[in-house]
Structures are given as structure tokens and as C-alpha cells.
């Protein structure tokens, strides 16, 4: 299983039906959150919430904060 990190990559994966589940940091900008939630709802993708962008980045093994990430099919 692969993974992607970052808004553009996650949206691209959702639209390509390659996403198993999405992770979204609760401290993400509201406009960005709405965009991700909309795509997930349209494509019936499970959403998991993480408290902070820092925590999400750490969980996905990157050295920077991340607003969103996804596990691929």
C-alpha cells in the first residue's frame, strides 16, 4: 500500500479512485478542509481526523507539518 501527502496529491488520488482512506488535520484552514471533505463525500472515501498538522506529518513519517494525507489502494 502506498501513501500520498499534501492537498493536491490527496485530491488527485481521491478523484482517481485510488484512495482507501484520508487523514485530515483539525487545525487545517477551513477552506482547505471543506475542499477535502467535499471530495471525500463525492467519492465515498473514509475520513480520519488527526488533532494537528504536526501530528499528521509525524504519523506519515515526514519532517514537516501536513494538512492532509491518504493511504492508497
PDB file of N, CA and C in Angstrom:
ATOM      1  N   UNK A   1       0.828  -1.188   0.000  1.00  0.00           N
ATOM      2  CA  UNK A   1       0.000   0.000   0.000  1.00  0.00           C
ATOM      3  C   UNK A   1       0.871   1.248   0.000  1.00  0.00           C
ATOM      4  N   UNK A   2       0.511   2.208  -0.822  1.00  0.00           N
ATOM      5  CA  UNK A   2       1.248   3.445  -0.873  1.00  0.00           C
ATOM      6  C   UNK A   2       0.544   4.528  -0.071  1.00  0.00           C
ATOM      7  N   UNK A   3       1.168   5.678  -0.090  1.00  0.00           N
ATOM      8  CA  UNK A   3       0.567   6.823   0.590  1.00  0.00           C
ATOM      9  C   UNK A   3       0.933   8.086  -0.161  1.00  0.00           C
ATOM     10  N   UNK A   4       0.114   9.102   0.017  1.00  0.00           N
ATOM     11  CA  UNK A   4       0.412  10.421  -0.531  1.00  0.00           C
ATOM     12  C   UNK A   4       0.173  11.446   0.563  1.00  0.00           C
ATOM     13  N   UNK A   5       0.919  12.534   0.490  1.00  0.00           N
ATOM     14  CA  UNK A   5       0.801  13.603   1.479  1.00  0.00           C
ATOM     15  C   UNK A   5       0.673  14.918   0.731  1.00  0.00           C
ATOM     16  N   UNK A   6      -0.220  15.764   1.200  1.00  0.00           N
ATOM     17  CA  UNK A   6      -0.400  17.074   0.592  1.00  0.00           C
ATOM     18  C   UNK A   6      -1.732  17.168  -0.133  1.00  0.00           C
ATOM     19  N   UNK A   7      -2.283  18.348  -0.132  1.00  0.00           N
ATOM     20  CA  UNK A   7      -3.628  18.571  -0.657  1.00  0.00           C
ATOM     21  C   UNK A   7      -3.775  18.191  -2.125  1.00  0.00           C
ATOM     22  N   UNK A   8      -2.887  18.669  -2.968  1.00  0.00           N
ATOM     23  CA  UNK A   8      -3.002  18.385  -4.401  1.00  0.00           C
ATOM     24  C   UNK A   8      -2.926  16.892  -4.679  1.00  0.00           C
ATOM     25  N   UNK A   9      -1.977  16.224  -4.034  1.00  0.00           N
ATOM     26  CA  UNK A   9      -1.801  14.786  -4.248  1.00  0.00           C
ATOM     27  C   UNK A   9      -2.992  13.994  -3.730  1.00  0.00           C
ATOM     28  N   UNK A  10      -3.519  14.389  -2.584  1.00  0.00           N
ATOM     29  CA  UNK A  10      -4.657  13.678  -1.999  1.00  0.00           C
ATOM     30  C   UNK A  10      -5.893  13.857  -2.882  1.00  0.00           C
ATOM     31  N   UNK A  11      -6.168  15.070  -3.330  1.00  0.00           N
ATOM     32  CA  UNK A  11      -7.330  15.306  -4.195  1.00  0.00           C
ATOM     33  C   UNK A  11      -7.191  14.512  -5.496  1.00  0.00           C
ATOM     34  N   UNK A  12      -6.015  14.503  -6.060  1.00  0.00           N
ATOM     35  CA  UNK A  12      -5.775  13.741  -7.290  1.00  0.00           C
ATOM     36  C   UNK A  12      -6.049  12.249  -7.060  1.00  0.00           C
ATOM     37  N   UNK A  13      -5.585  11.717  -5.943  1.00  0.00           N
ATOM     38  CA  UNK A  13      -5.807  10.304  -5.630  1.00  0.00           C
ATOM     39  C   UNK A  13      -7.288   9.996  -5.413  1.00  0.00           C
ATOM     40  N   UNK A  14      -7.995  10.892  -4.726  1.00  0.00           N
ATOM     41  CA  UNK A  14      -9.435  10.696  -4.492  1.00  0.00           C
ATOM     42  C   UNK A  14     -10.174  10.663  -5.828  1.00  0.00           C
ATOM     43  N   UNK A  15      -9.885  11.611  -6.672  1.00  0.00           N
ATOM     44  CA  UNK A  15     -10.574  11.699  -7.971  1.00  0.00           C
ATOM     45  C   UNK A  15     -10.246  10.517  -8.881  1.00  0.00           C
ATOM     46  N   UNK A  16      -9.119   9.870  -8.658  1.00  0.00           N
ATOM     47  CA  UNK A  16      -8.714   8.715  -9.464  1.00  0.00           C
ATOM     48  C   UNK A  16      -9.185   7.395  -8.869  1.00  0.00           C
ATOM     49  N   UNK A  17      -9.989   7.455  -7.812  1.00  0.00           N
ATOM     50  CA  UNK A  17     -10.479   6.249  -7.124  1.00  0.00           C
ATOM     51  C   UNK A  17      -9.339   5.348  -6.644  1.00  0.00           C
ATOM     52  N   UNK A  18      -8.264   5.967  -6.178  1.00  0.00           N
ATOM     53  CA  UNK A  18      -7.112   5.204  -5.693  1.00  0.00           C
ATOM     54  C   UNK A  18      -6.934   5.321  -4.188  1.00  0.00           C
ATOM     55  N   UNK A  19      -7.908   5.914  -3.507  1.00  0.00           N
ATOM     56  CA  UNK A  19      -7.758   6.225  -2.098  1.00  0.00           C
ATOM     57  C   UNK A  19      -8.563   5.286  -1.219  1.00  0.00           C
ATOM     58  N   UNK A  20      -7.885   4.691  -0.257  1.00  0.00           N
ATOM     59  CA  UNK A  20      -8.566   3.827   0.713  1.00  0.00           C
ATOM     60  C   UNK A  20      -9.162   4.668   1.833  1.00  0.00           C
ATOM     61  N   UNK A  21      -8.347   5.582   2.380  1.00  0.00           N
ATOM     62  CA  UNK A  21      -8.828   6.485   3.418  1.00  0.00           C
ATOM     63  C   UNK A  21      -7.966   7.741   3.462  1.00  0.00           C
ATOM     64  N   UNK A  22      -8.591   8.813   3.947  1.00  0.00           N
ATOM     65  CA  UNK A  22      -7.938  10.114   4.015  1.00  0.00           C
ATOM     66  C   UNK A  22      -7.780  10.525   5.473  1.00  0.00           C
ATOM     67  N   UNK A  23      -6.681  11.201   5.760  1.00  0.00           N
ATOM     68  CA  UNK A  23      -6.413  11.750   7.084  1.00  0.00           C
ATOM     69  C   UNK A  23      -6.373  13.262   6.948  1.00  0.00           C
ATOM     70  N   UNK A  24      -7.073  13.942   7.851  1.00  0.00           N
ATOM     71  CA  UNK A  24      -7.196  15.392   7.781  1.00  0.00           C
ATOM     72  C   UNK A  24      -6.921  15.995   9.152  1.00  0.00           C
ATOM     73  N   UNK A  25      -6.008  16.959   9.208  1.00  0.00           N
ATOM     74  CA  UNK A  25      -5.682  17.626  10.468  1.00  0.00           C
ATOM     75  C   UNK A  25      -6.770  18.632  10.819  1.00  0.00           C
ATOM     76  N   UNK A  26      -7.179  18.630  12.065  1.00  0.00           N
ATOM     77  CA  UNK A  26      -8.255  19.514  12.504  1.00  0.00           C
ATOM     78  C   UNK A  26      -7.853  20.986  12.511  1.00  0.00           C
ATOM     79  N   UNK A  27      -6.551  21.282  12.571  1.00  0.00           N
ATOM     80  CA  UNK A  27      -6.111  22.679  12.571  1.00  0.00           C
ATOM     81  C   UNK A  27      -5.817  23.215  11.164  1.00  0.00           C
ATOM     82  N   UNK A  28      -6.339  22.536  10.170  1.00  0.00           N
ATOM     83  CA  UNK A  28      -6.196  22.956   8.781  1.00  0.00           C
ATOM     84  C   UNK A  28      -7.144  24.113   8.487  1.00  0.00           C
ATOM     85  N   UNK A  29      -6.746  24.993   7.583  1.00  0.00           N
ATOM     86  CA  UNK A  29      -7.571  26.102   7.136  1.00  0.00           C
ATOM     87  C   UNK A  29      -8.947  25.592   6.699  1.00  0.00           C
ATOM     88  N   UNK A  30     -10.002  26.316   7.072  1.00  0.00           N
ATOM     89  CA  UNK A  30     -11.379  25.876   6.806  1.00  0.00           C
ATOM     90  C   UNK A  30     -11.667  25.662   5.316  1.00  0.00           C
ATOM     91  N   UNK A  31     -11.170  26.543   4.458  1.00  0.00           N
ATOM     92  CA  UNK A  31     -11.409  26.388   3.018  1.00  0.00           C
ATOM     93  C   UNK A  31     -10.806  25.094   2.494  1.00  0.00           C
ATOM     94  N   UNK A  32      -9.607  24.792   2.943  1.00  0.00           N
ATOM     95  CA  UNK A  32      -8.926  23.570   2.536  1.00  0.00           C
ATOM     96  C   UNK A  32      -9.655  22.343   3.074  1.00  0.00           C
ATOM     97  N   UNK A  33     -10.071  22.422   4.334  1.00  0.00           N
ATOM     98  CA  UNK A  33     -10.838  21.328   4.948  1.00  0.00           C
ATOM     99  C   UNK A  33     -12.109  21.060   4.150  1.00  0.00           C
ATOM    100  N   UNK A  34     -12.814  22.114   3.793  1.00  0.00           N
ATOM    101  CA  UNK A  34     -14.058  21.968   3.038  1.00  0.00           C
ATOM    102  C   UNK A  34     -13.819  21.297   1.684  1.00  0.00           C
ATOM    103  N   UNK A  35     -12.725  21.671   1.037  1.00  0.00           N
ATOM    104  CA  UNK A  35     -12.388  21.098  -0.265  1.00  0.00           C
ATOM    105  C   UNK A  35     -12.139  19.584  -0.146  1.00  0.00           C
ATOM    106  N   UNK A  36     -11.371  19.194   0.858  1.00  0.00           N
ATOM    107  CA  UNK A  36     -11.072  17.770   1.064  1.00  0.00           C
ATOM    108  C   UNK A  36     -12.341  17.013   1.445  1.00  0.00           C
ATOM    109  N   UNK A  37     -13.123  17.564   2.365  1.00  0.00           N
ATOM    110  CA  UNK A  37     -14.358  16.902   2.791  1.00  0.00           C
ATOM    111  C   UNK A  37     -15.317  16.721   1.622  1.00  0.00           C
ATOM    112  N   UNK A  38     -15.436  17.717   0.775  1.00  0.00           N
ATOM    113  CA  UNK A  38     -16.306  17.638  -0.384  1.00  0.00           C
ATOM    114  C   UNK A  38     -15.886  16.506  -1.322  1.00  0.00           C
ATOM    115  N   UNK A  39     -14.600  16.428  -1.613  1.00  0.00           N
ATOM    116  CA  UNK A  39     -14.091  15.367  -2.490  1.00  0.00           C
ATOM    117  C   UNK A  39     -14.315  13.984  -1.875  1.00  0.00           C
ATOM    118  N   UNK A  40     -14.070  13.868  -0.580  1.00  0.00           N
ATOM    119  CA  UNK A  40     -14.274  12.582   0.097  1.00  0.00           C
ATOM    120  C   UNK A  40     -15.742  12.170   0.066  1.00  0.00           C
ATOM    121  N   UNK A  41     -16.629  13.118   0.313  1.00  0.00           N
ATOM    122  CA  UNK A  41     -18.061  12.815   0.298  1.00  0.00           C
ATOM    123  C   UNK A  41     -18.538  12.418  -1.099  1.00  0.00           C
ATOM    124  N   UNK A  42     -18.063  13.118  -2.126  1.00  0.00           N
ATOM    125  CA  UNK A  42     -18.454  12.801  -3.504  1.00  0.00           C
ATOM    126  C   UNK A  42     -18.009  11.409  -3.915  1.00  0.00           C
ATOM    127  N   UNK A  43     -16.868  10.979  -3.386  1.00  0.00           N
ATOM    128  CA  UNK A  43     -16.276   9.713  -3.809  1.00  0.00           C
ATOM    129  C   UNK A  43     -16.363   8.627  -2.752  1.00  0.00           C
ATOM    130  N   UNK A  44     -17.141   8.861  -1.700  1.00  0.00           N
ATOM    131  CA  UNK A  44     -17.375   7.882  -0.643  1.00  0.00           C
ATOM    132  C   UNK A  44     -16.063   7.344  -0.042  1.00  0.00           C
ATOM    133  N   UNK A  45     -15.191   8.274   0.358  1.00  0.00           N
ATOM    134  CA  UNK A  45     -13.899   7.921   0.948  1.00  0.00           C
ATOM    135  C   UNK A  45     -13.949   8.188   2.457  1.00  0.00           C
ATOM    136  N   UNK A  46     -13.470   7.243   3.234  1.00  0.00           N
ATOM    137  CA  UNK A  46     -13.448   7.366   4.695  1.00  0.00           C
ATOM    138  C   UNK A  46     -12.474   8.471   5.114  1.00  0.00           C
ATOM    139  N   UNK A  47     -12.887   9.275   6.093  1.00  0.00           N
ATOM    140  CA  UNK A  47     -12.047  10.367   6.603  1.00  0.00           C
ATOM    141  C   UNK A  47     -11.700  10.091   8.059  1.00  0.00           C
ATOM    142  N   UNK A  48     -10.416  10.233   8.389  1.00  0.00           N
ATOM    143  CA  UNK A  48      -9.940  10.128   9.761  1.00  0.00           C
ATOM    144  C   UNK A  48      -9.382  11.487  10.169  1.00  0.00           C
ATOM    145  N   UNK A  49      -9.714  11.918  11.357  1.00  0.00           N
ATOM    146  CA  UNK A  49      -9.248  13.226  11.823  1.00  0.00           C
ATOM    147  C   UNK A  49      -8.083  13.080  12.787  1.00  0.00           C
ATOM    148  N   UNK A  50      -7.093  13.928  12.602  1.00  0.00           N
ATOM    149  CA  UNK A  50      -5.911  13.991  13.449  1.00  0.00           C
ATOM    150  C   UNK A  50      -5.905  15.392  14.063  1.00  0.00           C
ATOM    151  N   UNK A  51      -5.481  15.505  15.310  1.00  0.00           N
ATOM    152  CA  UNK A  51      -5.568  16.790  16.012  1.00  0.00           C
ATOM    153  C   UNK A  51      -4.807  17.930  15.336  1.00  0.00           C
ATOM    154  N   UNK A  52      -3.557  17.681  14.952  1.00  0.00           N
ATOM    155  CA  UNK A  52      -2.740  18.776  14.414  1.00  0.00           C
ATOM    156  C   UNK A  52      -2.001  18.366  13.144  1.00  0.00           C
ATOM    157  N   UNK A  53      -1.606  19.381  12.373  1.00  0.00           N
ATOM    158  CA  UNK A  53      -0.817  19.140  11.167  1.00  0.00           C
ATOM    159  C   UNK A  53       0.538  18.540  11.528  1.00  0.00           C
ATOM    160  N   UNK A  54       1.095  18.963  12.656  1.00  0.00           N
ATOM    161  CA  UNK A  54       2.376  18.422  13.103  1.00  0.00           C
ATOM    162  C   UNK A  54       2.251  16.924  13.372  1.00  0.00           C
ATOM    163  N   UNK A  55       1.203  16.540  14.077  1.00  0.00           N
ATOM    164  CA  UNK A  55       0.980  15.132  14.399  1.00  0.00           C
ATOM    165  C   UNK A  55       0.762  14.294  13.132  1.00  0.00           C
ATOM    166  N   UNK A  56       0.020  14.835  12.184  1.00  0.00           N
ATOM    167  CA  UNK A  56      -0.225  14.130  10.931  1.00  0.00           C
ATOM    168  C   UNK A  56       1.076  13.920  10.163  1.00  0.00           C
ATOM    169  N   UNK A  57       1.905  14.948  10.092  1.00  0.00           N
ATOM    170  CA  UNK A  57       3.204  14.815   9.432  1.00  0.00           C
ATOM    171  C   UNK A  57       4.063  13.750  10.083  1.00  0.00           C
ATOM    172  N   UNK A  58       4.067  13.719  11.400  1.00  0.00           N
ATOM    173  CA  UNK A  58       4.847  12.717  12.132  1.00  0.00           C
ATOM    174  C   UNK A  58       4.319  11.312  11.869  1.00  0.00           C
ATOM    175  N   UNK A  59       2.999  11.149  11.861  1.00  0.00           N
ATOM    176  CA  UNK A  59       2.407   9.827  11.639  1.00  0.00           C
ATOM    177  C   UNK A  59       2.718   9.285  10.251  1.00  0.00           C
ATOM    178  N   UNK A  60       2.895  10.183   9.291  1.00  0.00           N
ATOM    179  CA  UNK A  60       3.207   9.744   7.940  1.00  0.00           C
ATOM    180  C   UNK A  60       4.712   9.793   7.640  1.00  0.00           C
ATOM    181  N   UNK A  61       5.501  10.013   8.671  1.00  0.00           N
ATOM    182  CA  UNK A  61       6.945   9.901   8.538  1.00  0.00           C
ATOM    183  C   UNK A  61       7.615  10.979   7.723  1.00  0.00           C
ATOM    184  N   UNK A  62       7.020  12.172   7.699  1.00  0.00           N
ATOM    185  CA  UNK A  62       7.676  13.279   7.003  1.00  0.00           C
ATOM    186  C   UNK A  62       8.099  14.314   8.038  1.00  0.00           C
ATOM    187  N   UNK A  63       9.085  15.072   7.720  1.00  0.00           N
ATOM    188  CA  UNK A  63       9.650  16.014   8.677  1.00  0.00           C
ATOM    189  C   UNK A  63       8.964  17.362   8.736  1.00  0.00           C
ATOM    190  N   UNK A  64       7.823  17.491   8.087  1.00  0.00           N
ATOM    191  CA  UNK A  64       7.110  18.765   8.068  1.00  0.00           C
ATOM    192  C   UNK A  64       5.640  18.556   8.431  1.00  0.00           C
ATOM    193  N   UNK A  65       4.958  19.641   8.745  1.00  0.00           N
ATOM    194  CA  UNK A  65       3.528  19.574   9.026  1.00  0.00           C
ATOM    195  C   UNK A  65       2.770  19.221   7.744  1.00  0.00           C
ATOM    196  N   UNK A  66       1.658  18.512   7.898  1.00  0.00           N
ATOM    197  CA  UNK A  66       0.841  18.142   6.745  1.00  0.00           C
ATOM    198  C   UNK A  66      -0.632  18.323   7.080  1.00  0.00           C
ATOM    199  N   UNK A  67      -1.361  18.996   6.199  1.00  0.00           N
ATOM    200  CA  UNK A  67      -2.782  19.209   6.417  1.00  0.00           C
ATOM    201  C   UNK A  67      -3.591  17.951   6.123  1.00  0.00           C
ATOM    202  N   UNK A  68      -3.148  17.206   5.113  1.00  0.00           N
ATOM    203  CA  UNK A  68      -3.884  16.013   4.714  1.00  0.00           C
ATOM    204  C   UNK A  68      -2.953  14.965   4.112  1.00  0.00           C
ATOM    205  N   UNK A  69      -3.393  13.728   4.217  1.00  0.00           N
ATOM    206  CA  UNK A  69      -2.634  12.607   3.660  1.00  0.00           C
ATOM    207  C   UNK A  69      -3.638  11.498   3.351  1.00  0.00           C
ATOM    208  N   UNK A  70      -3.204  10.531   2.550  1.00  0.00           N
ATOM    209  CA  UNK A  70      -4.094   9.431   2.195  1.00  0.00           C
ATOM    210  C   UNK A  70      -3.322   8.133   2.049  1.00  0.00           C
ATOM    211  N   UNK A  71      -4.008   7.053   2.368  1.00  0.00           N
ATOM    212  CA  UNK A  71      -3.484   5.718   2.112  1.00  0.00           C
ATOM    213  C   UNK A  71      -4.138   5.249   0.818  1.00  0.00           C
ATOM    214  N   UNK A  72      -3.326   4.743  -0.080  1.00  0.00           N
ATOM    215  CA  UNK A  72      -3.813   4.339  -1.398  1.00  0.00           C
ATOM    216  C   UNK A  72      -4.192   2.864  -1.431  1.00  0.00           C
ATOM    217  N   UNK A  73      -5.061   2.531  -2.362  1.00  0.00           N
ATOM    218  CA  UNK A  73      -5.498   1.147  -2.556  1.00  0.00           C
ATOM    219  C   UNK A  73      -4.381   0.374  -3.234  1.00  0.00           C
TER     220      UNK A  73
END
